[in-house]
Each structure stands twice: as structure tokens, then as C-alpha cells.
Amino acid sequence: SGDQNLIHAFFQGQDIHRSTASLVFHTAFEDVTELQRRNAKAVNFGIVYGISSFGLSQDLSITRKEAAAYIEKYFETYPKIKGFLDELVATGKEKGYVSTMLGRRRPVPELKSSNFMQRSFGERVAMNSPIQGTAADIIKIAMNRVYRRLKEEGLKSRLVLQVHDELLIETYKEETEAVSRILEEEMKGAAHLSVELEVDMHQGNNWYEAK
């Protein structure tokens, strides 16, 4: 969305949910309670899915009025996000599809439906698909880059699984350092956005330990 408040929070390396709670609830960052953070997290993720005040009220066990106030405060805090989401819906209505940053299209015929429920579903798809779809594109690019580097460097370790935004590598112990370097370089370099992609790595003798 290019929202400066959101970009600033990422550049500062802040916990984005705590940062949102601080701005939305006008509370000092260090004074944000766990409940405030949890509520802000629900809003952060809910907005991506085009959540309604009713849906948020159900998630947080609060009144619909309180949920509507949370959403309103969120859009006041990150003003460019509202415009960004509205533009996605408008583009979807005009073109009949929305696109990821890399150009992959998702048809949204529901936006022209005469049925309110179908149309509302279409609006949520139009808002969500470019964001979630871009995330899916990025991890697939990262997966291909990591696979290629493992081959190019003649390593025996192999990429065995991708789950959401995670890559699982079955690594020979003597290659751990090289594999870690490849993962960081190739996953961070999978896309160039307004903020740097973050990479978090864990090791273990099995997937459970590595989590």
C-alpha cells in the first residue's frame, strides 16, 4: 500500500502487531498489553481478508460497535491501506480480475453478481488475492532460487518441502553453514519491496525440533 506508518514500523524492526496496537489505542509502545496486541493482530490479519465489523466482533468476542471502531481506528492509523484496498476492488470490477505484483491473475466474476452475498465475497477475494497471491509468488521464487543454488554449489543437501512461507531443507551437518547462507541470500532476494524481506532460520534433527 505504500503506507508510511506501516513502512516505518518495519524499518524500525518493531513487532508490527504491538506497533499497530500502540498507534490504534494511543498507548506507548512499551505499555501495550497482550490483549491490545492480540486485538491489533486480529485486525491486521482481518483487514487482509476484508473482514467486516461483524466478523471481527465474533473473532474477538466484542460488540459489533467496538469492532467497527477498531477497524475505523486502523484505517486512520494506516490511511493508505484503505485506499489501496478500495482500488483493488475497483480494478476488479473494471477488469474482471485482480493481479499479484508479478502479474498472476485471479478472475473475480462475483463482483458483478446481483446477489449481495456473492458480491461481498468477490470484494473480499479482490482485496485478499493480490496480497496472499504475491506472498505465494515470492515463496515459489525463493524455492526455485534455493534449489538452483544448492545444485550450483554442488551440495548434497536437498529441498524437501515448502509450507506457506517456509522452506524445509534436509541438510548434511557439514553443509549447515553453506545451506544457511544460501537460504538467507536467496529468500531475502526473492523480491524487492519497500521493506526488506525477513528470514528466520531454525535447525534440528527433525522438523519438530527445527520448529
Protein backbone atom coordinates (compact mmCIF):
# COMPACT_ATOMS: atom_id res chain seq x y z
CA SER A 1 0.00 0.00 0.00
CA GLY A 2 2.97 2.33 0.47
CA ASP A 3 1.65 3.46 3.86
CA GLN A 4 4.43 5.36 5.60
CA ASN A 5 3.38 4.47 9.17
CA LEU A 6 3.47 0.77 8.30
CA ILE A 7 6.78 1.08 6.43
CA HIS A 8 8.30 2.99 9.36
CA ALA A 9 7.30 0.23 11.78
CA PHE A 10 9.01 -2.39 9.60
CA PHE A 11 12.16 -0.28 9.18
CA GLN A 12 12.35 0.09 12.96
CA GLY A 13 12.21 -3.70 13.27
CA GLN A 14 9.20 -3.39 15.55
CA ASP A 15 6.70 -6.08 16.43
CA ILE A 16 4.13 -4.99 13.85
CA HIS A 17 1.12 -6.06 15.93
CA ARG A 18 2.41 -4.20 19.01
CA SER A 19 3.17 -1.18 16.83
CA THR A 20 -0.37 -1.24 15.41
CA ALA A 21 -1.84 -1.55 18.90
CA SER A 22 0.27 1.41 20.09
CA LEU A 23 -1.00 3.63 17.27
CA VAL A 24 -4.61 2.43 17.24
CA PHE A 25 -5.08 2.57 21.01
CA HIS A 26 -2.87 5.67 21.55
CA THR A 27 -0.70 3.76 24.01
CA ALA A 28 3.07 3.94 24.44
CA PHE A 29 4.71 1.05 22.60
CA GLU A 30 6.18 -0.42 25.80
CA ASP A 31 2.82 -0.14 27.61
CA VAL A 32 0.79 -2.14 25.09
CA THR A 33 -0.96 -5.02 26.85
CA GLU A 34 -1.14 -8.55 25.47
CA LEU A 35 -4.89 -8.11 24.95
CA GLN A 36 -4.32 -4.95 22.92
CA ARG A 37 -1.65 -6.71 20.87
CA ARG A 38 -3.95 -9.70 20.26
CA ASN A 39 -6.76 -7.42 19.14
CA ALA A 40 -4.43 -5.48 16.84
CA LYS A 41 -3.14 -8.74 15.36
CA ALA A 42 -6.70 -9.84 14.61
CA VAL A 43 -7.32 -6.53 12.87
CA ASN A 44 -4.01 -6.66 10.95
CA PHE A 45 -4.79 -10.07 9.52
CA GLY A 46 -8.52 -9.49 9.27
CA ILE A 47 -8.10 -6.40 7.10
CA VAL A 48 -6.23 -8.51 4.52
CA TYR A 49 -9.28 -10.78 4.31
CA GLY A 50 -11.72 -7.89 4.04
CA ILE A 51 -13.12 -8.65 7.47
CA SER A 52 -16.40 -6.97 8.49
CA SER A 53 -17.19 -5.47 11.87
CA PHE A 54 -19.43 -8.49 12.47
CA GLY A 55 -16.64 -10.95 11.64
CA LEU A 56 -14.15 -9.13 13.86
CA SER A 57 -16.64 -8.93 16.71
CA GLN A 58 -17.05 -12.70 16.51
CA ASP A 59 -13.27 -13.28 16.47
CA LEU A 60 -12.61 -11.03 19.47
CA SER A 61 -15.85 -11.66 21.41
CA ILE A 62 -16.65 -7.94 21.46
CA THR A 63 -19.64 -5.92 20.28
CA ARG A 64 -20.05 -5.05 16.63
CA LYS A 65 -19.79 -1.35 17.54
CA GLU A 66 -16.43 -1.91 19.25
CA ALA A 67 -15.19 -3.92 16.27
CA ALA A 68 -16.27 -1.18 13.86
CA ALA A 69 -14.35 1.34 15.99
CA TYR A 70 -11.21 -0.86 15.85
CA ILE A 71 -11.41 -1.04 12.05
CA GLU A 72 -12.02 2.70 11.75
CA LYS A 73 -9.04 3.46 14.00
CA TYR A 74 -6.91 1.07 11.97
CA PHE A 75 -7.66 2.89 8.73
CA GLU A 76 -7.00 6.24 10.45
CA THR A 77 -3.64 4.87 11.59
CA TYR A 78 -2.70 3.46 8.17
CA PRO A 79 -4.64 5.76 5.80
CA LYS A 80 -3.13 4.44 2.56
CA ILE A 81 -4.32 0.90 3.23
CA LYS A 82 -8.00 1.85 2.86
CA GLY A 83 -7.31 3.50 -0.50
CA PHE A 84 -5.21 0.54 -1.59
CA LEU A 85 -7.95 -1.99 -0.80
CA ASP A 86 -10.67 0.15 -2.37
CA GLU A 87 -8.57 0.44 -5.52
CA LEU A 88 -8.17 -3.35 -5.71
CA VAL A 89 -11.96 -3.78 -5.63
CA ALA A 90 -12.48 -1.01 -8.20
CA THR A 91 -9.89 -2.57 -10.52
CA GLY A 92 -11.51 -5.98 -10.10
CA LYS A 93 -14.91 -4.58 -11.08
CA GLU A 94 -13.46 -2.79 -14.11
CA LYS A 95 -11.24 -5.59 -15.46
CA GLY A 96 -12.99 -8.67 -14.11
CA TYR A 97 -9.79 -9.81 -12.38
CA VAL A 98 -7.10 -8.73 -9.93
CA SER A 99 -3.36 -9.40 -10.19
CA THR A 100 -0.43 -10.17 -7.94
CA MET A 101 2.64 -7.92 -8.08
CA LEU A 102 4.15 -10.38 -10.53
CA GLY A 103 1.13 -10.33 -12.83
CA ARG A 104 -0.64 -13.58 -11.92
CA ARG A 105 -4.37 -13.05 -12.39
CA ARG A 106 -7.34 -14.11 -10.29
CA PRO A 107 -10.73 -13.73 -12.05
CA VAL A 108 -13.40 -12.22 -9.78
CA PRO A 109 -16.74 -12.54 -11.64
CA GLU A 110 -18.59 -12.38 -8.31
CA LEU A 111 -18.02 -8.61 -8.21
CA LYS A 112 -20.71 -8.16 -10.87
CA SER A 113 -23.20 -10.51 -9.23
CA SER A 114 -26.66 -9.16 -8.37
CA ASN A 115 -26.53 -11.26 -5.20
CA PHE A 116 -25.24 -9.26 -2.22
CA MET A 117 -23.51 -12.23 -0.57
CA GLN A 118 -21.76 -13.20 -3.80
CA ARG A 119 -20.71 -9.60 -4.40
CA SER A 120 -19.36 -9.28 -0.85
CA PHE A 121 -17.39 -12.48 -1.33
CA GLY A 122 -15.97 -11.04 -4.56
CA GLU A 123 -14.85 -7.90 -2.74
CA ARG A 124 -13.01 -9.97 -0.14
CA VAL A 125 -11.34 -12.02 -2.89
CA ALA A 126 -10.34 -8.85 -4.74
CA MET A 127 -8.69 -7.47 -1.60
CA ASN A 128 -7.06 -10.69 -0.48
CA SER A 129 -5.84 -12.34 -3.68
CA PRO A 130 -3.21 -9.76 -4.70
CA ILE A 131 -1.70 -9.85 -1.20
CA GLN A 132 -1.82 -13.58 -0.49
CA GLY A 133 -1.10 -14.34 -4.14
CA THR A 134 2.01 -12.15 -4.12
CA ALA A 135 3.20 -13.91 -0.96
CA ALA A 136 2.70 -17.25 -2.74
CA ASP A 137 4.62 -15.98 -5.78
CA ILE A 138 7.52 -14.83 -3.59
CA ILE A 139 7.94 -18.17 -1.79
CA LYS A 140 7.86 -20.03 -5.12
CA ILE A 141 10.60 -17.76 -6.48
CA ALA A 142 12.60 -18.33 -3.29
CA MET A 143 12.09 -22.09 -3.60
CA ASN A 144 13.43 -22.12 -7.16
CA ARG A 145 16.38 -19.90 -6.27
CA VAL A 146 17.36 -22.07 -3.29
CA TYR A 147 17.02 -25.27 -5.34
CA ARG A 148 19.23 -23.83 -8.09
CA ARG A 149 21.91 -22.62 -5.66
CA LEU A 150 22.11 -25.99 -3.92
CA LYS A 151 22.75 -27.55 -7.34
CA GLU A 152 25.20 -24.87 -8.48
CA GLU A 153 27.31 -25.21 -5.33
CA GLY A 154 27.36 -29.00 -5.61
CA LEU A 155 25.79 -29.60 -2.21
CA LYS A 156 24.25 -32.91 -1.18
CA SER A 157 21.57 -31.20 0.95
CA ARG A 158 18.15 -31.04 -0.66
CA LEU A 159 14.98 -29.01 -0.54
CA VAL A 160 12.20 -31.37 0.53
CA LEU A 161 9.18 -29.24 1.44
CA GLN A 162 7.52 -25.83 1.17
CA VAL A 163 4.76 -24.92 3.63
CA HIS A 164 3.22 -21.45 3.36
CA ASP A 165 6.26 -19.17 3.77
CA GLU A 166 8.66 -21.89 4.98
CA LEU A 167 11.24 -23.99 3.18
CA LEU A 168 12.45 -27.22 4.74
CA ILE A 169 15.95 -28.39 3.80
CA GLU A 170 17.30 -31.84 4.61
CA THR A 171 20.86 -30.83 5.35
CA TYR A 172 24.10 -32.72 5.79
CA LYS A 173 25.66 -31.45 9.04
CA GLU A 174 28.89 -30.42 7.34
CA GLU A 175 26.85 -28.29 4.92
CA THR A 176 24.79 -26.47 7.56
CA GLU A 177 26.71 -23.20 7.28
CA ALA A 178 26.58 -23.17 3.46
CA VAL A 179 22.86 -24.02 3.39
CA SER A 180 22.07 -21.30 5.96
CA ARG A 181 23.91 -18.75 3.82
CA ILE A 182 22.06 -19.84 0.67
CA LEU A 183 18.67 -19.71 2.40
CA GLU A 184 19.25 -16.21 3.74
CA GLU A 185 20.58 -14.80 0.46
CA GLU A 186 18.04 -16.38 -1.85
CA MET A 187 14.95 -15.94 0.31
CA LYS A 188 15.76 -12.30 1.05
CA GLY A 189 16.48 -11.70 -2.62
CA ALA A 190 13.26 -13.31 -3.88
CA ALA A 191 11.53 -9.90 -4.12
CA HIS A 192 12.43 -6.26 -3.71
CA LEU A 193 9.77 -4.36 -1.80
CA SER A 194 9.57 -1.10 0.14
CA VAL A 195 10.76 -3.06 3.17
CA GLU A 196 13.32 -5.85 3.31
CA LEU A 197 12.09 -9.43 3.46
CA GLU A 198 12.96 -11.06 6.78
CA VAL A 199 14.30 -14.60 7.13
CA ASP A 200 14.14 -16.69 10.29
CA MET A 201 16.02 -20.00 10.47
CA HIS A 202 15.92 -22.95 12.85
CA GLN A 203 17.80 -26.25 12.96
CA GLY A 204 17.09 -29.65 14.43
CA ASN A 205 17.47 -33.38 13.94
CA ASN A 206 13.89 -33.44 12.65
CA TRP A 207 11.20 -30.99 11.59
CA TYR A 208 9.63 -30.91 15.06
CA GLU A 209 12.92 -29.83 16.65
CA ALA A 210 13.52 -27.25 13.93
CA LYS A 211 10.18 -25.57 14.61
